[in-house]
Amino acid sequence: MMYPFMTLNDNTEIVHSEVCMQNGVETVKVYFERPVPNGFHTATRWLPEYRWEDIVGFNKQEIAYFQEFVESTAHIIFELAREGGFNHAANL
């Protein structure tokens, strides 16, 4: 399941998965998507290893910005991923 995290000023939507265990390590998928004419720009980021994959349409500057953004909010994303996203966390 993917949970909404944030919408940036340029309409890039950021969502994240639940925490998954991979080789004994908590892992979270962070997905970026921005609508553009005729489709979307997309990218996937895996935490905690900060590995990018499936980058389509975003340029190096945008990915660098997203990199910094994810590094500064990774602790929040992990917490929300453990609790089931913003909506569930707000009801605790």
PDB file of N, CA and C in Angstrom:
ATOM      1  N   MET A   1       0.847  -1.177   0.000  1.00  0.00           N
ATOM      2  CA  MET A   1       0.000   0.000   0.000  1.00  0.00           C
ATOM      3  C   MET A   1       0.888   1.233   0.000  1.00  0.00           C
ATOM      4  N   MET A   2       0.447   2.264  -0.719  1.00  0.00           N
ATOM      5  CA  MET A   2       1.171   3.527  -0.764  1.00  0.00           C
ATOM      6  C   MET A   2       0.354   4.594  -0.033  1.00  0.00           C
ATOM      7  N   TYR A   3       1.063   5.440   0.709  1.00  0.00           N
ATOM      8  CA  TYR A   3       0.438   6.492   1.500  1.00  0.00           C
ATOM      9  C   TYR A   3       0.901   7.861   1.013  1.00  0.00           C
ATOM     10  N   PRO A   4       0.004   8.841   0.916  1.00  0.00           N
ATOM     11  CA  PRO A   4       0.418  10.188   0.513  1.00  0.00           C
ATOM     12  C   PRO A   4       1.324  10.799   1.580  1.00  0.00           C
ATOM     13  N   PHE A   5       2.342  11.511   1.124  1.00  0.00           N
ATOM     14  CA  PHE A   5       3.244  12.199   2.047  1.00  0.00           C
ATOM     15  C   PHE A   5       3.170  13.707   1.839  1.00  0.00           C
ATOM     16  N   MET A   6       3.376  14.156   0.587  1.00  0.00           N
ATOM     17  CA  MET A   6       3.413  15.597   0.361  1.00  0.00           C
ATOM     18  C   MET A   6       3.219  15.889  -1.126  1.00  0.00           C
ATOM     19  N   THR A   7       2.670  17.076  -1.404  1.00  0.00           N
ATOM     20  CA  THR A   7       2.620  17.606  -2.759  1.00  0.00           C
ATOM     21  C   THR A   7       3.460  18.877  -2.774  1.00  0.00           C
ATOM     22  N   LEU A   8       4.463  18.916  -3.659  1.00  0.00           N
ATOM     23  CA  LEU A   8       5.340  20.074  -3.758  1.00  0.00           C
ATOM     24  C   LEU A   8       4.686  21.163  -4.609  1.00  0.00           C
ATOM     25  N   ASN A   9       5.256  22.361  -4.575  1.00  0.00           N
ATOM     26  CA  ASN A   9       4.687  23.501  -5.313  1.00  0.00           C
ATOM     27  C   ASN A   9       4.582  23.259  -6.812  1.00  0.00           C
ATOM     28  N   ASP A  10       5.433  22.394  -7.359  1.00  0.00           N
ATOM     29  CA  ASP A  10       5.397  22.113  -8.801  1.00  0.00           C
ATOM     30  C   ASP A  10       4.453  20.955  -9.130  1.00  0.00           C
ATOM     31  N   ASN A  11       3.609  20.568  -8.174  1.00  0.00           N
ATOM     32  CA  ASN A  11       2.632  19.479  -8.308  1.00  0.00           C
ATOM     33  C   ASN A  11       3.241  18.083  -8.277  1.00  0.00           C
ATOM     34  N   THR A  12       4.493  17.965  -7.870  1.00  0.00           N
ATOM     35  CA  THR A  12       5.085  16.642  -7.678  1.00  0.00           C
ATOM     36  C   THR A  12       4.458  16.019  -6.435  1.00  0.00           C
ATOM     37  N   GLU A  13       3.869  14.850  -6.622  1.00  0.00           N
ATOM     38  CA  GLU A  13       3.284  14.089  -5.517  1.00  0.00           C
ATOM     39  C   GLU A  13       4.350  13.133  -4.975  1.00  0.00           C
ATOM     40  N   ILE A  14       4.449  13.072  -3.659  1.00  0.00           N
ATOM     41  CA  ILE A  14       5.374  12.146  -3.016  1.00  0.00           C
ATOM     42  C   ILE A  14       4.545  11.209  -2.160  1.00  0.00           C
ATOM     43  N   VAL A  15       4.708   9.920  -2.394  1.00  0.00           N
ATOM     44  CA  VAL A  15       4.017   8.898  -1.612  1.00  0.00           C
ATOM     45  C   VAL A  15       5.047   7.890  -1.122  1.00  0.00           C
ATOM     46  N   HIS A  16       4.668   7.121  -0.103  1.00  0.00           N
ATOM     47  CA  HIS A  16       5.599   6.120   0.434  1.00  0.00           C
ATOM     48  C   HIS A  16       4.840   4.842   0.748  1.00  0.00           C
ATOM     49  N   SER A  17       5.593   3.765   0.818  1.00  0.00           N
ATOM     50  CA  SER A  17       5.024   2.461   1.140  1.00  0.00           C
ATOM     51  C   SER A  17       4.980   2.253   2.646  1.00  0.00           C
ATOM     52  N   GLU A  18       4.433   1.112   3.026  1.00  0.00           N
ATOM     53  CA  GLU A  18       4.571   0.640   4.391  1.00  0.00           C
ATOM     54  C   GLU A  18       6.011   0.170   4.570  1.00  0.00           C
ATOM     55  N   VAL A  19       6.429  -0.031   5.799  1.00  0.00           N
ATOM     56  CA  VAL A  19       7.747  -0.607   6.054  1.00  0.00           C
ATOM     57  C   VAL A  19       7.719  -2.075   5.648  1.00  0.00           C
ATOM     58  N   CYS A  20       8.725  -2.481   4.888  1.00  0.00           N
ATOM     59  CA  CYS A  20       8.902  -3.878   4.500  1.00  0.00           C
ATOM     60  C   CYS A  20      10.253  -4.341   5.034  1.00  0.00           C
ATOM     61  N   MET A  21      10.331  -5.585   5.406  1.00  0.00           N
ATOM     62  CA  MET A  21      11.613  -6.147   5.849  1.00  0.00           C
ATOM     63  C   MET A  21      12.297  -6.791   4.653  1.00  0.00           C
ATOM     64  N   GLN A  22      13.534  -6.384   4.369  1.00  0.00           N
ATOM     65  CA  GLN A  22      14.337  -6.978   3.314  1.00  0.00           C
ATOM     66  C   GLN A  22      15.704  -7.301   3.894  1.00  0.00           C
ATOM     67  N   ASN A  23      15.998  -8.600   3.962  1.00  0.00           N
ATOM     68  CA  ASN A  23      17.263  -9.065   4.547  1.00  0.00           C
ATOM     69  C   ASN A  23      17.457  -8.544   5.971  1.00  0.00           C
ATOM     70  N   GLY A  24      16.364  -8.489   6.733  1.00  0.00           N
ATOM     71  CA  GLY A  24      16.432  -8.053   8.119  1.00  0.00           C
ATOM     72  C   GLY A  24      16.517  -6.550   8.315  1.00  0.00           C
ATOM     73  N   VAL A  25      16.303  -5.772   7.253  1.00  0.00           N
ATOM     74  CA  VAL A  25      16.394  -4.316   7.324  1.00  0.00           C
ATOM     75  C   VAL A  25      15.048  -3.715   6.949  1.00  0.00           C
ATOM     76  N   GLU A  26      14.592  -2.743   7.746  1.00  0.00           N
ATOM     77  CA  GLU A  26      13.377  -2.020   7.394  1.00  0.00           C
ATOM     78  C   GLU A  26      13.628  -1.200   6.130  1.00  0.00           C
ATOM     79  N   THR A  27      12.728  -1.345   5.156  1.00  0.00           N
ATOM     80  CA  THR A  27      12.860  -0.671   3.873  1.00  0.00           C
ATOM     81  C   THR A  27      11.554   0.038   3.539  1.00  0.00           C
ATOM     82  N   VAL A  28      11.666   1.223   2.946  1.00  0.00           N
ATOM     83  CA  VAL A  28      10.498   1.983   2.518  1.00  0.00           C
ATOM     84  C   VAL A  28      10.735   2.475   1.090  1.00  0.00           C
ATOM     85  N   LYS A  29       9.719   2.303   0.251  1.00  0.00           N
ATOM     86  CA  LYS A  29       9.749   2.811  -1.117  1.00  0.00           C
ATOM     87  C   LYS A  29       9.132   4.208  -1.112  1.00  0.00           C
ATOM     88  N   VAL A  30       9.834   5.180  -1.709  1.00  0.00           N
ATOM     89  CA  VAL A  30       9.332   6.548  -1.837  1.00  0.00           C
ATOM     90  C   VAL A  30       9.195   6.818  -3.330  1.00  0.00           C
ATOM     91  N   TYR A  31       8.012   7.244  -3.747  1.00  0.00           N
ATOM     92  CA  TYR A  31       7.705   7.409  -5.161  1.00  0.00           C
ATOM     93  C   TYR A  31       7.361   8.866  -5.449  1.00  0.00           C
ATOM     94  N   PHE A  32       7.955   9.410  -6.509  1.00  0.00           N
ATOM     95  CA  PHE A  32       7.735  10.784  -6.950  1.00  0.00           C
ATOM     96  C   PHE A  32       7.018  10.747  -8.290  1.00  0.00           C
ATOM     97  N   GLU A  33       5.996  11.595  -8.445  1.00  0.00           N
ATOM     98  CA  GLU A  33       5.252  11.636  -9.697  1.00  0.00           C
ATOM     99  C   GLU A  33       4.763  13.059  -9.948  1.00  0.00           C
ATOM    100  N   ARG A  34       5.071  13.578 -11.148  1.00  0.00           N
ATOM    101  CA  ARG A  34       4.607  14.917 -11.521  1.00  0.00           C
ATOM    102  C   ARG A  34       3.868  14.825 -12.856  1.00  0.00           C
ATOM    103  N   PRO A  35       2.635  15.345 -12.908  1.00  0.00           N
ATOM    104  CA  PRO A  35       1.919  15.339 -14.179  1.00  0.00           C
ATOM    105  C   PRO A  35       2.564  16.318 -15.164  1.00  0.00           C
ATOM    106  N   VAL A  36       2.684  15.881 -16.394  1.00  0.00           N
ATOM    107  CA  VAL A  36       3.179  16.710 -17.494  1.00  0.00           C
ATOM    108  C   VAL A  36       2.272  16.432 -18.695  1.00  0.00           C
ATOM    109  N   PRO A  37       2.288  17.301 -19.697  1.00  0.00           N
ATOM    110  CA  PRO A  37       1.473  16.995 -20.869  1.00  0.00           C
ATOM    111  C   PRO A  37       1.795  15.595 -21.404  1.00  0.00           C
ATOM    112  N   ASN A  38       0.798  14.837 -21.671  1.00  0.00           N
ATOM    113  CA  ASN A  38       0.935  13.476 -22.225  1.00  0.00           C
ATOM    114  C   ASN A  38       1.519  12.462 -21.255  1.00  0.00           C
ATOM    115  N   GLY A  39       1.438  12.686 -19.936  1.00  0.00           N
ATOM    116  CA  GLY A  39       1.927  11.647 -19.020  1.00  0.00           C
ATOM    117  C   GLY A  39       2.438  12.173 -17.697  1.00  0.00           C
ATOM    118  N   PHE A  40       3.493  11.519 -17.204  1.00  0.00           N
ATOM    119  CA  PHE A  40       4.047  11.835 -15.893  1.00  0.00           C
ATOM    120  C   PHE A  40       5.567  11.709 -15.924  1.00  0.00           C
ATOM    121  N   HIS A  41       6.231  12.505 -15.092  1.00  0.00           N
ATOM    122  CA  HIS A  41       7.626  12.264 -14.746  1.00  0.00           C
ATOM    123  C   HIS A  41       7.580  11.457 -13.457  1.00  0.00           C
ATOM    124  N   THR A  42       8.411  10.427 -13.346  1.00  0.00           N
ATOM    125  CA  THR A  42       8.378   9.550 -12.180  1.00  0.00           C
ATOM    126  C   THR A  42       9.781   9.176 -11.729  1.00  0.00           C
ATOM    127  N   ALA A  43       9.887   8.812 -10.475  1.00  0.00           N
ATOM    128  CA  ALA A  43      11.136   8.297  -9.921  1.00  0.00           C
ATOM    129  C   ALA A  43      10.809   7.534  -8.646  1.00  0.00           C
ATOM    130  N   THR A  44      11.617   6.523  -8.363  1.00  0.00           N
ATOM    131  CA  THR A  44      11.465   5.726  -7.152  1.00  0.00           C
ATOM    132  C   THR A  44      12.749   5.800  -6.342  1.00  0.00           C
ATOM    133  N   ARG A  45      12.581   5.979  -5.049  1.00  0.00           N
ATOM    134  CA  ARG A  45      13.705   6.060  -4.111  1.00  0.00           C
ATOM    135  C   ARG A  45      13.489   5.016  -3.022  1.00  0.00           C
ATOM    136  N   TRP A  46      14.521   4.264  -2.693  1.00  0.00           N
ATOM    137  CA  TRP A  46      14.426   3.263  -1.630  1.00  0.00           C
ATOM    138  C   TRP A  46      15.205   3.727  -0.420  1.00  0.00           C
ATOM    139  N   LEU A  47      14.570   3.632   0.737  1.00  0.00           N
ATOM    140  CA  LEU A  47      15.213   3.954   2.011  1.00  0.00           C
ATOM    141  C   LEU A  47      15.425   2.650   2.777  1.00  0.00           C
ATOM    142  N   PRO A  48      16.463   2.497   3.546  1.00  0.00           N
ATOM    143  CA  PRO A  48      17.436   3.510   3.957  1.00  0.00           C
ATOM    144  C   PRO A  48      18.644   3.623   3.036  1.00  0.00           C
ATOM    145  N   GLU A  49      18.695   2.849   1.971  1.00  0.00           N
ATOM    146  CA  GLU A  49      19.908   2.855   1.149  1.00  0.00           C
ATOM    147  C   GLU A  49      19.997   4.030   0.181  1.00  0.00           C
ATOM    148  N   TYR A  50      18.954   4.852   0.086  1.00  0.00           N
ATOM    149  CA  TYR A  50      18.960   6.023  -0.791  1.00  0.00           C
ATOM    150  C   TYR A  50      19.273   5.643  -2.233  1.00  0.00           C
ATOM    151  N   ARG A  51      18.714   4.530  -2.678  1.00  0.00           N
ATOM    152  CA  ARG A  51      18.922   4.038  -4.040  1.00  0.00           C
ATOM    153  C   ARG A  51      17.794   4.530  -4.940  1.00  0.00           C
ATOM    154  N   TRP A  52      18.155   5.146  -6.069  1.00  0.00           N
ATOM    155  CA  TRP A  52      17.186   5.604  -7.061  1.00  0.00           C
ATOM    156  C   TRP A  52      16.993   4.538  -8.122  1.00  0.00           C
ATOM    157  N   GLU A  53      15.783   4.460  -8.661  1.00  0.00           N
ATOM    158  CA  GLU A  53      15.527   3.606  -9.818  1.00  0.00           C
ATOM    159  C   GLU A  53      14.333   4.158 -10.584  1.00  0.00           C
ATOM    160  N   ASP A  54      14.194   3.690 -11.809  1.00  0.00           N
ATOM    161  CA  ASP A  54      13.035   4.033 -12.656  1.00  0.00           C
ATOM    162  C   ASP A  54      12.807   5.544 -12.779  1.00  0.00           C
ATOM    163  N   ILE A  55      13.877   6.295 -13.010  1.00  0.00           N
ATOM    164  CA  ILE A  55      13.754   7.745 -13.198  1.00  0.00           C
ATOM    165  C   ILE A  55      13.332   8.011 -14.640  1.00  0.00           C
ATOM    166  N   VAL A  56      12.181   8.656 -14.792  1.00  0.00           N
ATOM    167  CA  VAL A  56      11.659   8.978 -16.122  1.00  0.00           C
ATOM    168  C   VAL A  56      11.262  10.451 -16.135  1.00  0.00           C
ATOM    169  N   GLY A  57      11.960  11.261 -16.938  1.00  0.00           N
ATOM    170  CA  GLY A  57      11.568  12.651 -17.149  1.00  0.00           C
ATOM    171  C   GLY A  57      12.213  13.667 -16.231  1.00  0.00           C
ATOM    172  N   PHE A  58      12.539  13.295 -15.003  1.00  0.00           N
ATOM    173  CA  PHE A  58      13.174  14.245 -14.091  1.00  0.00           C
ATOM    174  C   PHE A  58      14.640  14.437 -14.489  1.00  0.00           C
ATOM    175  N   ASN A  59      15.129  15.695 -14.398  1.00  0.00           N
ATOM    176  CA  ASN A  59      16.530  15.958 -14.719  1.00  0.00           C
ATOM    177  C   ASN A  59      17.409  15.812 -13.475  1.00  0.00           C
ATOM    178  N   LYS A  60      18.710  15.933 -13.659  1.00  0.00           N
ATOM    179  CA  LYS A  60      19.665  15.735 -12.556  1.00  0.00           C
ATOM    180  C   LYS A  60      19.462  16.741 -11.432  1.00  0.00           C
ATOM    181  N   GLN A  61      19.120  17.983 -11.769  1.00  0.00           N
ATOM    182  CA  GLN A  61      18.875  18.994 -10.733  1.00  0.00           C
ATOM    183  C   GLN A  61      17.653  18.629  -9.894  1.00  0.00           C
ATOM    184  N   GLU A  62      16.610  18.160 -10.536  1.00  0.00           N
ATOM    185  CA  GLU A  62      15.402  17.769  -9.808  1.00  0.00           C
ATOM    186  C   GLU A  62      15.684  16.584  -8.895  1.00  0.00           C
ATOM    187  N   ILE A  63      16.415  15.605  -9.397  1.00  0.00           N
ATOM    188  CA  ILE A  63      16.754  14.438  -8.577  1.00  0.00           C
ATOM    189  C   ILE A  63      17.637  14.862  -7.408  1.00  0.00           C
ATOM    190  N   ALA A  64      18.569  15.778  -7.628  1.00  0.00           N
ATOM    191  CA  ALA A  64      19.406  16.280  -6.531  1.00  0.00           C
ATOM    192  C   ALA A  64      18.549  16.959  -5.466  1.00  0.00           C
ATOM    193  N   TYR A  65      17.550  17.731  -5.887  1.00  0.00           N
ATOM    194  CA  TYR A  65      16.635  18.373  -4.941  1.00  0.00           C
ATOM    195  C   TYR A  65      15.858  17.309  -4.166  1.00  0.00           C
ATOM    196  N   PHE A  66      15.321  16.321  -4.884  1.00  0.00           N
ATOM    197  CA  PHE A  66      14.570  15.253  -4.217  1.00  0.00           C
ATOM    198  C   PHE A  66      15.467  14.484  -3.253  1.00  0.00           C
ATOM    199  N   GLN A  67      16.721  14.277  -3.637  1.00  0.00           N
ATOM    200  CA  GLN A  67      17.685  13.583  -2.775  1.00  0.00           C
ATOM    201  C   GLN A  67      17.813  14.317  -1.442  1.00  0.00           C
ATOM    202  N   GLU A  68      18.040  15.618  -1.521  1.00  0.00           N
ATOM    203  CA  GLU A  68      18.175  16.428  -0.308  1.00  0.00           C
ATOM    204  C   GLU A  68      16.884  16.406   0.506  1.00  0.00           C
ATOM    205  N   PHE A  69      15.764  16.509  -0.179  1.00  0.00           N
ATOM    206  CA  PHE A  69      14.467  16.492   0.490  1.00  0.00           C
ATOM    207  C   PHE A  69      14.254  15.181   1.245  1.00  0.00           C
ATOM    208  N   VAL A  70      14.516  14.065   0.585  1.00  0.00           N
ATOM    209  CA  VAL A  70      14.301  12.762   1.222  1.00  0.00           C
ATOM    210  C   VAL A  70      15.261  12.564   2.385  1.00  0.00           C
ATOM    211  N   GLU A  71      16.510  12.980   2.228  1.00  0.00           N
ATOM    212  CA  GLU A  71      17.465  12.850   3.334  1.00  0.00           C
ATOM    213  C   GLU A  71      17.005  13.632   4.560  1.00  0.00           C
ATOM    214  N   SER A  72      16.407  14.804   4.341  1.00  0.00           N
ATOM    215  CA  SER A  72      15.988  15.631   5.473  1.00  0.00           C
ATOM    216  C   SER A  72      14.667  15.170   6.094  1.00  0.00           C
ATOM    217  N   THR A  73      13.914  14.334   5.398  1.00  0.00           N
ATOM    218  CA  THR A  73      12.617  13.887   5.922  1.00  0.00           C
ATOM    219  C   THR A  73      12.526  12.369   6.103  1.00  0.00           C
ATOM    220  N   ALA A  74      13.623  11.645   5.879  1.00  0.00           N
ATOM    221  CA  ALA A  74      13.595  10.180   5.945  1.00  0.00           C
ATOM    222  C   ALA A  74      13.074   9.682   7.292  1.00  0.00           C
ATOM    223  N   HIS A  75      13.461  10.318   8.379  1.00  0.00           N
ATOM    224  CA  HIS A  75      13.005   9.879   9.700  1.00  0.00           C
ATOM    225  C   HIS A  75      11.485  10.008   9.831  1.00  0.00           C
ATOM    226  N   ILE A  76      10.910  11.042   9.234  1.00  0.00           N
ATOM    227  CA  ILE A  76       9.455  11.229   9.267  1.00  0.00           C
ATOM    228  C   ILE A  76       8.784  10.185   8.383  1.00  0.00           C
ATOM    229  N   ILE A  77       9.335   9.970   7.195  1.00  0.00           N
ATOM    230  CA  ILE A  77       8.773   8.976   6.279  1.00  0.00           C
ATOM    231  C   ILE A  77       8.780   7.598   6.929  1.00  0.00           C
ATOM    232  N   PHE A  78       9.875   7.222   7.576  1.00  0.00           N
ATOM    233  CA  PHE A  78       9.939   5.922   8.250  1.00  0.00           C
ATOM    234  C   PHE A  78       8.888   5.814   9.341  1.00  0.00           C
ATOM    235  N   GLU A  79       8.741   6.846  10.141  1.00  0.00           N
ATOM    236  CA  GLU A  79       7.753   6.820  11.224  1.00  0.00           C
ATOM    237  C   GLU A  79       6.338   6.656  10.672  1.00  0.00           C
ATOM    238  N   LEU A  80       6.022   7.429   9.640  1.00  0.00           N
ATOM    239  CA  LEU A  80       4.697   7.324   9.031  1.00  0.00           C
ATOM    240  C   LEU A  80       4.497   5.956   8.370  1.00  0.00           C
ATOM    241  N   ALA A  81       5.542   5.429   7.759  1.00  0.00           N
ATOM    242  CA  ALA A  81       5.451   4.109   7.127  1.00  0.00           C
ATOM    243  C   ALA A  81       5.173   3.031   8.169  1.00  0.00           C
ATOM    244  N   ARG A  82       5.729   3.172   9.349  1.00  0.00           N
ATOM    245  CA  ARG A  82       5.483   2.212  10.437  1.00  0.00           C
ATOM    246  C   ARG A  82       4.057   2.322  10.975  1.00  0.00           C
ATOM    247  N   GLU A  83       3.491   3.547  10.941  1.00  0.00           N
ATOM    248  CA  GLU A  83       2.178   3.806  11.543  1.00  0.00           C
ATOM    249  C   GLU A  83       1.020   3.748  10.553  1.00  0.00           C
ATOM    250  N   GLY A  84       1.305   3.553   9.269  1.00  0.00           N
ATOM    251  CA  GLY A  84       0.233   3.486   8.286  1.00  0.00           C
ATOM    252  C   GLY A  84      -0.126   4.811   7.658  1.00  0.00           C
ATOM    253  N   GLY A  85       0.816   5.727   7.536  1.00  0.00           N
ATOM    254  CA  GLY A  85       0.590   6.993   6.859  1.00  0.00           C
ATOM    255  C   GLY A  85       0.023   8.073   7.767  1.00  0.00           C
ATOM    256  N   PHE A  86      -0.116   9.267   7.203  1.00  0.00           N
ATOM    257  CA  PHE A  86      -0.602  10.436   7.960  1.00  0.00           C
ATOM    258  C   PHE A  86      -1.973  10.197   8.595  1.00  0.00           C
ATOM    259  N   ASN A  87      -2.901   9.669   7.829  1.00  0.00           N
ATOM    260  CA  ASN A  87      -4.265   9.510   8.350  1.00  0.00           C
ATOM    261  C   ASN A  87      -4.308   8.615   9.574  1.00  0.00           C
ATOM    262  N   HIS A  88      -3.602   7.515   9.523  1.00  0.00           N
ATOM    263  CA  HIS A  88      -3.590   6.616  10.677  1.00  0.00           C
ATOM    264  C   HIS A  88      -2.836   7.242  11.844  1.00  0.00           C
ATOM    265  N   ALA A  89      -1.690   7.870  11.565  1.00  0.00           N
ATOM    266  CA  ALA A  89      -0.894   8.497  12.618  1.00  0.00           C
ATOM    267  C   ALA A  89      -1.696   9.590  13.324  1.00  0.00           C
ATOM    268  N   ALA A  90      -2.528  10.316  12.580  1.00  0.00           N
ATOM    269  CA  ALA A  90      -3.330  11.389  13.175  1.00  0.00           C
ATOM    270  C   ALA A  90      -4.392  10.856  14.117  1.00  0.00           C
ATOM    271  N   ASN A  91      -4.773   9.614  13.978  1.00  0.00           N
ATOM    272  CA  ASN A  91      -5.814   9.021  14.825  1.00  0.00           C
ATOM    273  C   ASN A  91      -5.259   8.316  16.044  1.00  0.00           C
ATOM    274  N   LEU A  92      -3.943   8.285  16.190  1.00  0.00           N
ATOM    275  CA  LEU A  92      -3.356   7.607  17.365  1.00  0.00           C
ATOM    276  C   LEU A  92      -3.456   8.442  18.609  1.00  0.00           C
TER     277      LEU A  92
END
